[in-house]
Amino acid sequence: MRKKVLSFLFAATMVMGLATGCGSSNTPASEGSDSGSDAAVTEAADAGEDAGDDAAATDSSSADGEVQVGIILPTKDEPRWLQDQKQFETVLGDAGFSNQVLFSQGSSSTEKTNVETLISKGIKVLIICPQDGAAAAAAVQEARDAGVKVISYDRLITGTDAVDYYVTFDSKAVGAAQGQYLIDNAPEGSDIPLYLFAGAATDNNAFIFFEGAWSVLQPKIADGTFKIANSTEAEALKDKAELSREEIGKIIGQITTDWDFNVAKSKAEANLTAVGSDMKGDVLVLAPNDGTARSIADVFASDKDVSSYVVTGQDSEKASVQYIIDGKQSMTVFKDTRTLAQDSVAMAVDILDGKEPATDSTYNNESIDVPAKQTAIIVVTKDNVKEALIDSGYYEASEFTGLE
């Protein structure tokens, strides 16, 4: 069995062909990705037809009902997490491990019940992407008390020492890539309107994304190249290169989308209504993920006083890939969930074999420094969408129109 698992993981890693990012961080990190436009909701619904009921999506348990590895994801109503579900089913199934995937459906209470359900089925390893990083602390403490090893997946669980490992993309690098793209594609001149949007305040990763973006955008804001259009809190801090968590929290309080495309749409509409024509024209938009990017892009595209916009995203959702091909969204940050799932499974295999999993960084979760394994990111634009997403086998060319 062990040779079979290790051979599979090695082969799969070679096929993926993505390098793992290195480094360390003293800042809590995690990651959020959520639904965007109506197309994304439809996409999620289609992908989730056979996902099961609201809690249980997959039950690949052994004949005696025991489950070796339990996985809990935030919701089955968003394309990103359905993609992750598929990767776990494939990788764990091929590796020969009994497993069960449960969805929390946006509820920390359901998430806690899911953890208890998996504990009752005898899991040895829990892989969990928390709905709310702080609220999940109590649930993973129950797992720790039951002798279960806990891998925080994609989003970091905070305020507890009951987290053994963390598997993540380099979240700060995601935000920095988004900010740098805006800089590289900004129009000439000064006082270029910059609209800032962020993820949910309950998602620790929203803070890290914004921190990364601010680290590269702030000098351009301070020297007058960019002018913040929709956050008095950010404007008041424009001369400060490094922000505290509390300061970032105040900014996010004004610009949060809650990872919800409807919230993003309403906020973008309100922002454009509140400003004069001097804050329109050619504009830059920091959108935290693909779902919000599409909603925001639609709003800016419909305003007759907006001449052009550059808008960021992340997750490489199908609907946003089509938007990029069509010129409606400028970029997305590709985070290959195949690699992330494989890293998690590799950790689980080592744990079940009594070995110490390989890590390359640490993330402080406000309680301990959690050993972590980071995965690299790729910026995708219209110029490299085929190479990054089609040639790599992540998507089929037939899933898109107008692809060159």
Protein backbone atom coordinates (compact mmCIF):
# COMPACT_ATOMS: atom_id res chain seq x y z
CA MET A 1 0.00 0.00 0.00
CA ARG A 2 2.71 2.46 1.02
CA LYS A 3 4.65 1.99 -2.22
CA LYS A 4 1.46 2.43 -4.19
CA VAL A 5 0.62 5.69 -2.41
CA LEU A 6 4.09 7.17 -2.69
CA SER A 7 4.34 6.22 -6.37
CA PHE A 8 0.98 7.84 -7.07
CA LEU A 9 1.87 11.03 -5.27
CA PHE A 10 5.21 11.31 -7.05
CA ALA A 11 3.63 10.74 -10.46
CA ALA A 12 0.83 13.19 -9.78
CA THR A 13 3.25 15.85 -8.63
CA MET A 14 5.29 15.46 -11.80
CA VAL A 15 2.16 15.82 -13.91
CA MET A 16 1.15 19.03 -12.16
CA GLY A 17 4.52 20.62 -12.82
CA LEU A 18 4.10 23.53 -10.40
CA ALA A 19 6.90 24.62 -8.10
CA THR A 20 6.22 25.08 -4.40
CA GLY A 21 6.73 28.54 -2.93
CA CYS A 22 9.11 28.94 0.00
CA GLY A 23 9.55 31.38 2.83
CA SER A 24 8.00 32.11 6.17
CA SER A 25 5.51 34.50 7.64
CA ASN A 26 4.85 35.89 11.08
CA THR A 27 1.38 36.97 10.06
CA PRO A 28 -1.77 34.85 10.22
CA ALA A 29 -2.73 33.67 6.77
CA SER A 30 -5.49 31.81 5.05
CA GLU A 31 -7.52 32.12 2.01
CA GLY A 32 -10.96 32.82 0.81
CA SER A 33 -12.56 32.18 -2.56
CA ASP A 34 -16.16 32.55 -3.29
CA SER A 35 -18.85 32.74 -5.93
CA GLY A 36 -19.20 35.57 -8.34
CA SER A 37 -21.86 36.27 -10.95
CA ASP A 38 -25.03 34.35 -11.73
CA ALA A 39 -22.91 32.26 -14.10
CA ALA A 40 -20.80 31.13 -11.17
CA VAL A 41 -23.86 30.11 -9.21
CA THR A 42 -25.13 28.12 -12.18
CA GLU A 43 -21.70 26.56 -12.59
CA ALA A 44 -21.67 25.56 -8.94
CA ALA A 45 -25.16 24.12 -9.12
CA ASP A 46 -24.31 22.08 -12.20
CA ALA A 47 -21.12 20.76 -10.64
CA GLY A 48 -22.88 19.97 -7.40
CA GLU A 49 -25.88 18.04 -8.67
CA ASP A 50 -24.52 14.82 -7.30
CA ALA A 51 -22.73 16.30 -4.33
CA GLY A 52 -25.22 14.91 -1.84
CA ASP A 53 -27.12 16.80 0.82
CA ASP A 54 -25.97 20.04 2.44
CA ALA A 55 -23.51 18.40 4.80
CA ALA A 56 -22.21 15.20 3.22
CA ALA A 57 -20.90 15.30 -0.31
CA THR A 58 -18.85 12.15 -0.52
CA ASP A 59 -18.65 8.98 1.50
CA SER A 60 -15.81 6.72 0.42
CA SER A 61 -15.61 4.93 3.74
CA SER A 62 -14.44 1.40 4.23
CA ALA A 63 -16.77 -1.58 4.44
CA ASP A 64 -16.91 -1.41 8.25
CA GLY A 65 -17.96 2.24 8.11
CA GLU A 66 -14.69 3.67 9.36
CA VAL A 67 -13.14 6.68 7.65
CA GLN A 68 -9.41 7.36 7.69
CA VAL A 69 -9.36 10.92 6.38
CA GLY A 70 -12.14 13.48 6.86
CA ILE A 71 -12.38 16.66 4.79
CA ILE A 72 -14.54 19.68 5.58
CA LEU A 73 -15.01 22.47 3.03
CA PRO A 74 -16.92 25.77 3.48
CA THR A 75 -19.74 25.39 0.94
CA LYS A 76 -20.79 23.42 -2.11
CA ASP A 77 -22.50 26.48 -3.61
CA GLU A 78 -19.30 27.95 -5.07
CA PRO A 79 -17.22 26.60 -7.99
CA ARG A 80 -13.89 26.79 -6.17
CA TRP A 81 -14.84 24.37 -3.40
CA LEU A 82 -16.47 21.91 -5.76
CA GLN A 83 -13.20 21.81 -7.67
CA ASP A 84 -11.38 21.08 -4.41
CA GLN A 85 -13.89 18.37 -3.56
CA LYS A 86 -13.18 16.66 -6.88
CA GLN A 87 -9.42 16.82 -6.29
CA PHE A 88 -9.72 15.23 -2.85
CA GLU A 89 -11.98 12.48 -4.13
CA THR A 90 -9.56 11.70 -6.95
CA VAL A 91 -6.29 11.90 -5.02
CA LEU A 92 -7.43 10.15 -1.85
CA GLY A 93 -9.40 7.55 -3.79
CA ASP A 94 -6.48 6.70 -6.06
CA ALA A 95 -4.20 6.59 -3.01
CA GLY A 96 -6.44 3.96 -1.46
CA PHE A 97 -7.67 5.85 1.59
CA SER A 98 -11.25 5.77 2.87
CA ASN A 99 -12.52 9.34 3.14
CA GLN A 100 -15.57 11.52 3.52
CA VAL A 101 -16.08 15.10 2.36
CA LEU A 102 -18.55 17.29 4.25
CA PHE A 103 -19.65 20.87 3.56
CA SER A 104 -20.37 23.45 6.26
CA GLN A 105 -22.66 25.53 4.04
CA GLY A 106 -21.58 28.84 5.54
CA SER A 107 -22.33 27.78 9.12
CA SER A 108 -19.74 27.38 11.87
CA SER A 109 -22.32 25.37 13.82
CA THR A 110 -22.70 22.92 10.94
CA GLU A 111 -18.92 22.82 10.64
CA LYS A 112 -18.59 21.79 14.29
CA THR A 113 -21.25 19.10 13.82
CA ASN A 114 -19.35 17.85 10.75
CA VAL A 115 -16.16 17.54 12.79
CA GLU A 116 -18.00 15.55 15.46
CA THR A 117 -19.54 13.31 12.80
CA LEU A 118 -16.14 12.52 11.32
CA ILE A 119 -14.62 11.89 14.74
CA SER A 120 -17.39 9.36 15.40
CA LYS A 121 -16.38 7.55 12.20
CA GLY A 122 -12.84 7.05 13.46
CA ILE A 123 -10.85 9.49 11.34
CA LYS A 124 -7.12 9.72 11.98
CA VAL A 125 -6.60 12.94 10.01
CA LEU A 126 -8.89 15.94 9.61
CA ILE A 127 -8.35 18.30 6.66
CA ILE A 128 -10.49 21.39 7.25
CA CYS A 129 -10.97 24.70 5.47
CA PRO A 130 -12.78 26.78 8.12
CA GLN A 131 -15.86 28.85 7.47
CA ASP A 132 -14.63 31.23 10.17
CA GLY A 133 -11.01 30.82 11.24
CA ALA A 134 -11.60 31.86 14.85
CA ALA A 135 -14.89 30.00 15.33
CA ALA A 136 -13.34 26.76 14.07
CA ALA A 137 -10.95 26.67 17.04
CA ALA A 138 -13.45 24.89 19.29
CA ALA A 139 -14.21 22.26 16.65
CA VAL A 140 -10.57 21.35 16.02
CA GLN A 141 -9.95 21.19 19.77
CA GLU A 142 -12.48 18.35 19.85
CA ALA A 143 -10.51 16.63 17.11
CA ARG A 144 -7.26 17.11 19.01
CA ASP A 145 -8.84 15.69 22.18
CA ALA A 146 -9.88 12.63 20.15
CA GLY A 147 -6.31 12.06 18.97
CA VAL A 148 -6.93 13.33 15.43
CA LYS A 149 -4.24 15.25 13.57
CA VAL A 150 -5.54 18.52 12.14
CA ILE A 151 -4.46 20.01 8.80
CA SER A 152 -5.80 23.53 8.24
CA TYR A 153 -6.50 23.73 4.53
CA ASP A 154 -6.26 26.94 2.52
CA ARG A 155 -7.59 29.12 5.37
CA LEU A 156 -5.77 29.20 8.69
CA ILE A 157 -7.63 28.34 11.89
CA THR A 158 -6.70 30.97 14.46
CA GLY A 159 -6.47 31.35 18.23
CA THR A 160 -5.72 27.71 19.09
CA ASP A 161 -2.80 25.33 19.41
CA ALA A 162 -4.96 22.45 18.12
CA VAL A 163 -3.68 22.89 14.55
CA ASP A 164 -0.87 20.57 13.53
CA TYR A 165 -0.19 21.71 9.96
CA TYR A 166 -1.29 24.27 7.40
CA VAL A 167 -1.41 23.80 3.62
CA THR A 168 -1.82 27.02 1.69
CA PHE A 169 -1.03 29.16 -1.28
CA ASP A 170 1.20 32.14 -0.57
CA SER A 171 -1.66 34.47 0.31
CA LYS A 172 0.43 37.61 0.65
CA ALA A 173 1.92 36.93 -2.78
CA VAL A 174 -1.62 36.73 -4.21
CA GLY A 175 -2.42 40.26 -3.05
CA ALA A 176 0.98 41.54 -4.14
CA ALA A 177 0.45 40.05 -7.62
CA GLN A 178 -2.92 41.77 -7.89
CA GLY A 179 -1.48 45.11 -6.80
CA GLN A 180 1.50 44.83 -9.13
CA TYR A 181 -0.77 44.06 -12.06
CA LEU A 182 -2.66 47.29 -11.43
CA ILE A 183 0.61 49.21 -11.34
CA ASP A 184 1.91 47.61 -14.53
CA ASN A 185 -1.33 48.27 -16.40
CA ALA A 186 -2.22 51.72 -15.09
CA PRO A 187 -2.79 54.61 -17.49
CA GLU A 188 -0.34 57.50 -17.61
CA GLY A 189 -0.72 60.44 -15.28
CA SER A 190 -1.49 61.14 -11.63
CA ASP A 191 -4.54 60.95 -9.36
CA ILE A 192 -5.67 57.80 -11.18
CA PRO A 193 -8.84 56.62 -9.40
CA LEU A 194 -8.23 53.44 -7.40
CA TYR A 195 -11.17 51.47 -6.02
CA LEU A 196 -10.39 49.01 -3.24
CA PHE A 197 -12.46 45.95 -2.38
CA ALA A 198 -11.72 43.10 0.04
CA GLY A 199 -13.00 39.73 1.19
CA ALA A 200 -14.89 38.93 4.38
CA ALA A 201 -13.70 40.30 7.71
CA THR A 202 -14.30 36.83 9.22
CA ASP A 203 -11.77 35.31 6.81
CA ASN A 204 -8.22 35.81 8.01
CA ASN A 205 -7.03 35.47 4.45
CA ALA A 206 -8.80 38.66 3.43
CA PHE A 207 -6.38 40.51 5.68
CA ILE A 208 -3.38 38.82 4.10
CA PHE A 209 -4.55 39.47 0.55
CA PHE A 210 -5.03 43.14 1.35
CA GLU A 211 -1.70 43.34 3.15
CA GLY A 212 0.03 41.97 0.07
CA ALA A 213 -1.75 44.38 -2.26
CA TRP A 214 -1.10 47.38 0.01
CA SER A 215 2.61 46.54 0.16
CA VAL A 216 3.00 47.34 -3.54
CA LEU A 217 0.18 49.87 -4.06
CA GLN A 218 0.99 52.14 -1.12
CA PRO A 219 4.03 53.88 -2.67
CA LYS A 220 1.94 54.78 -5.73
CA ILE A 221 -0.82 56.08 -3.48
CA ALA A 222 1.59 58.09 -1.33
CA ASP A 223 3.26 59.79 -4.30
CA GLY A 224 -0.05 60.79 -5.86
CA THR A 225 0.00 58.44 -8.83
CA PHE A 226 -3.12 56.69 -7.54
CA LYS A 227 -5.98 58.30 -5.61
CA ILE A 228 -8.19 56.14 -3.40
CA ALA A 229 -11.81 56.60 -4.43
CA ASN A 230 -13.85 54.64 -1.93
CA SER A 231 -12.20 54.35 1.49
CA THR A 232 -11.59 57.23 3.89
CA GLU A 233 -9.82 54.80 6.22
CA ALA A 234 -7.32 53.82 3.51
CA GLU A 235 -6.89 57.44 2.45
CA ALA A 236 -6.03 58.44 6.03
CA LEU A 237 -3.30 55.78 6.09
CA LYS A 238 -1.89 56.40 2.61
CA ASP A 239 1.52 57.46 3.93
CA LYS A 240 1.97 54.34 6.05
CA ALA A 241 3.77 51.49 4.31
CA GLU A 242 3.05 48.81 6.91
CA LEU A 243 -0.39 48.55 8.48
CA SER A 244 -1.35 46.82 11.72
CA ARG A 245 -4.06 44.20 11.70
CA GLU A 246 -6.37 46.67 13.41
CA GLU A 247 -5.73 49.28 10.70
CA ILE A 248 -6.35 46.76 7.94
CA GLY A 249 -9.52 45.75 9.75
CA LYS A 250 -10.81 49.32 9.67
CA ILE A 251 -10.20 49.53 5.93
CA ILE A 252 -11.82 46.15 5.29
CA GLY A 253 -14.80 47.34 7.33
CA GLN A 254 -15.43 49.91 4.58
CA ILE A 255 -14.58 47.85 1.51
CA THR A 256 -15.60 44.27 2.38
CA THR A 257 -17.62 42.26 -0.12
CA ASP A 258 -18.14 39.36 2.31
CA TRP A 259 -17.03 37.23 -0.65
CA ASP A 260 -20.57 37.74 -1.96
CA PHE A 261 -21.18 38.84 -5.56
CA ASN A 262 -24.41 40.64 -4.61
CA VAL A 263 -22.66 42.60 -1.86
CA ALA A 264 -19.85 43.43 -4.29
CA LYS A 265 -22.34 44.63 -6.90
CA SER A 266 -24.22 46.84 -4.44
CA LYS A 267 -21.03 48.30 -3.00
CA ALA A 268 -19.59 49.08 -6.45
CA GLU A 269 -22.84 50.78 -7.45
CA ALA A 270 -22.86 52.83 -4.25
CA ASN A 271 -19.21 53.80 -4.74
CA LEU A 272 -19.78 55.06 -8.28
CA THR A 273 -22.91 56.94 -7.25
CA ALA A 274 -21.02 58.69 -4.44
CA VAL A 275 -18.15 60.07 -6.54
CA GLY A 276 -17.92 62.75 -9.17
CA SER A 277 -16.74 62.41 -12.74
CA ASP A 278 -13.17 63.21 -11.64
CA MET A 279 -13.06 59.79 -9.96
CA LYS A 280 -14.21 57.95 -13.06
CA GLY A 281 -12.67 57.93 -16.53
CA ASP A 282 -9.81 55.40 -16.62
CA VAL A 283 -9.88 53.55 -13.29
CA LEU A 284 -8.15 50.75 -11.41
CA VAL A 285 -10.04 48.20 -9.31
CA LEU A 286 -8.60 45.88 -6.68
CA ALA A 287 -11.18 43.07 -6.55
CA PRO A 288 -10.30 40.26 -4.13
CA ASN A 289 -11.48 37.25 -6.13
CA ASP A 290 -13.14 36.18 -9.36
CA GLY A 291 -16.72 36.18 -8.15
CA THR A 292 -16.55 39.74 -6.88
CA ALA A 293 -14.45 40.78 -9.88
CA ARG A 294 -17.17 39.83 -12.35
CA SER A 295 -19.88 41.62 -10.41
CA ILE A 296 -17.77 44.75 -9.99
CA ALA A 297 -16.65 44.67 -13.62
CA ASP A 298 -20.27 44.54 -14.78
CA VAL A 299 -21.07 47.63 -12.69
CA PHE A 300 -18.09 49.64 -13.94
CA ALA A 301 -18.74 48.60 -17.54
CA SER A 302 -22.31 49.92 -17.32
CA ASP A 303 -21.29 53.38 -16.06
CA LYS A 304 -21.10 55.76 -19.02
CA ASP A 305 -18.54 57.94 -17.24
CA VAL A 306 -16.07 55.07 -16.81
CA SER A 307 -13.90 55.04 -19.94
CA SER A 308 -11.92 51.93 -19.02
CA TYR A 309 -11.15 49.78 -16.02
CA VAL A 310 -8.45 47.33 -14.95
CA VAL A 311 -9.81 44.78 -12.47
CA THR A 312 -8.06 41.97 -10.61
CA GLY A 313 -9.30 38.56 -9.46
CA GLN A 314 -8.20 35.16 -8.18
CA ASP A 315 -9.20 31.48 -8.36
CA SER A 316 -9.40 31.11 -12.16
CA GLU A 317 -13.09 30.21 -12.09
CA LYS A 318 -14.48 29.18 -15.47
CA ALA A 319 -16.78 32.19 -15.68
CA SER A 320 -13.87 34.55 -15.03
CA VAL A 321 -11.64 32.78 -17.53
CA GLN A 322 -14.34 33.49 -20.11
CA TYR A 323 -14.51 37.11 -18.89
CA ILE A 324 -10.75 37.40 -19.39
CA ILE A 325 -10.98 35.95 -22.89
CA ASP A 326 -13.78 38.43 -23.64
CA GLY A 327 -11.86 41.38 -22.19
CA LYS A 328 -14.27 41.95 -19.29
CA GLN A 329 -11.84 40.96 -16.51
CA SER A 330 -8.15 41.84 -16.63
CA MET A 331 -6.45 39.03 -14.73
CA THR A 332 -6.88 36.21 -12.25
CA VAL A 333 -4.44 34.54 -9.89
CA PHE A 334 -4.34 30.82 -10.64
CA LYS A 335 -4.01 28.64 -7.57
CA ASP A 336 -3.87 25.05 -8.73
CA THR A 337 -6.12 23.18 -6.31
CA ARG A 338 -4.76 19.89 -7.66
CA THR A 339 -1.40 20.71 -6.12
CA LEU A 340 -2.94 21.96 -2.89
CA ALA A 341 -4.99 18.78 -2.50
CA GLN A 342 -1.92 16.66 -3.25
CA ASP A 343 0.10 18.51 -0.61
CA SER A 344 -2.66 17.83 1.92
CA VAL A 345 -2.85 14.16 1.00
CA ALA A 346 0.94 13.85 1.17
CA MET A 347 0.76 15.21 4.72
CA ALA A 348 -2.03 12.80 5.59
CA VAL A 349 -0.01 9.86 4.20
CA ASP A 350 3.01 10.82 6.30
CA ILE A 351 0.86 11.16 9.40
CA LEU A 352 -0.78 7.76 8.85
CA ASP A 353 2.68 6.27 8.28
CA GLY A 354 3.95 7.81 11.51
CA LYS A 355 6.25 10.23 9.71
CA GLU A 356 6.78 13.98 10.07
CA PRO A 357 5.26 15.78 7.05
CA ALA A 358 7.49 18.07 5.00
CA THR A 359 6.95 21.81 5.53
CA ASP A 360 8.71 24.91 4.20
CA SER A 361 7.35 27.80 6.28
CA THR A 362 5.38 28.76 9.38
CA TYR A 363 2.29 30.92 9.90
CA ASN A 364 1.43 32.44 13.26
CA ASN A 365 -2.24 31.85 14.10
CA GLU A 366 -2.28 34.14 17.15
CA SER A 367 -1.53 31.15 19.38
CA ILE A 368 1.34 29.18 17.83
CA ASP A 369 3.57 29.13 14.76
CA VAL A 370 1.92 26.48 12.59
CA PRO A 371 4.23 24.44 10.31
CA ALA A 372 3.10 25.06 6.75
CA LYS A 373 3.52 23.92 3.16
CA GLN A 374 3.10 26.65 0.55
CA THR A 375 2.14 26.28 -3.10
CA ALA A 376 3.12 28.67 -5.88
CA ILE A 377 0.70 30.97 -7.73
CA ILE A 378 0.49 32.03 -11.38
CA VAL A 379 -0.88 35.30 -12.79
CA VAL A 380 -3.20 34.55 -15.71
CA THR A 381 -4.15 37.08 -18.37
CA LYS A 382 -5.55 36.84 -21.88
CA ASP A 383 -1.99 36.41 -23.14
CA ASN A 384 -1.22 33.22 -21.22
CA VAL A 385 -4.63 31.77 -20.40
CA LYS A 386 -4.23 28.87 -22.82
CA GLU A 387 -0.78 27.91 -21.56
CA ALA A 388 -1.65 28.22 -17.87
CA LEU A 389 -5.12 26.68 -17.78
CA ILE A 390 -5.67 24.63 -20.94
CA ASP A 391 -2.26 23.19 -21.75
CA SER A 392 -1.80 22.28 -18.07
CA GLY A 393 -4.97 20.18 -18.22
CA TYR A 394 -6.86 22.21 -15.62
CA TYR A 395 -9.65 23.03 -18.09
CA GLU A 396 -10.66 21.81 -21.54
CA ALA A 397 -10.53 24.26 -24.45
CA SER A 398 -14.06 23.23 -25.37
CA GLU A 399 -15.33 24.82 -22.16
CA PHE A 400 -14.67 28.32 -23.54
CA THR A 401 -15.49 30.40 -26.61
CA GLY A 402 -13.13 32.77 -28.41
CA LEU A 403 -10.02 31.05 -27.11
CA GLU A 404 -7.04 31.60 -29.42
